[in-house]
Amino acid sequence: MLQLESVSHVYSFHSYEKQLVRLIVPESLRQSVETENQGPPGSLSNDLSSHVLSGNTPADNEAGNSGFSIREIHSTTFVYQDQLSIGQFPQAFSAFDESCLERLLQYQADIYLIGTGGSAKFPERIIHQQIYSRKLSIDFMDTGAACRTYNILSGEQRNVAALIFMA
């Protein structure tokens, strides 16, 4: 189980169900989510629901922060440290291609986790070859496993990014 003390400055995942991920948004990052949450179709406003739950952790209380909120996500989402991006990547893993790989690498994480939906899927051979030749740490797994693994690694202060596909 994720200890909420570890989420005070980075995004983390609360839970995963088919076609729905719940994201913990620390109060320190909530303003950026709400600012981005106003926009045209395909923007965060359609893909990131209003808060489901909010609260405080002991670390928040000591630091004077007002806590966290939990948001529901219904489409492909990229999370890296304090950065959240919805709509930058295709909606289905089947569309993951070389341009997606290049966009991912702009974030300079040490470990990239790709949640491929309800079951583990793997990209085309050419993408595997690029990953291998560049000696990248990119792991493909089902979305639930990617969410859990991201929480563990980010809780250990690792430089990890997650690209979460719903389908």
Foldseek 3Di string as FASTA:
>chain_A
DFDQVLPQQFKAWDADDQQKTKIKAHQVLVVVLVVQLDDDPQTNVVFKDDFDDWQADPNCVVVVGGGITIIMGRFKWKTWGSDIGGNPDDQAPQPDDPVNVVVVCVLVFQAEEEAHAQFWDDYDPVVVVVCVVVVGHYYTTHQRVQRVVVSVCVSVVGRYMYTYHSD
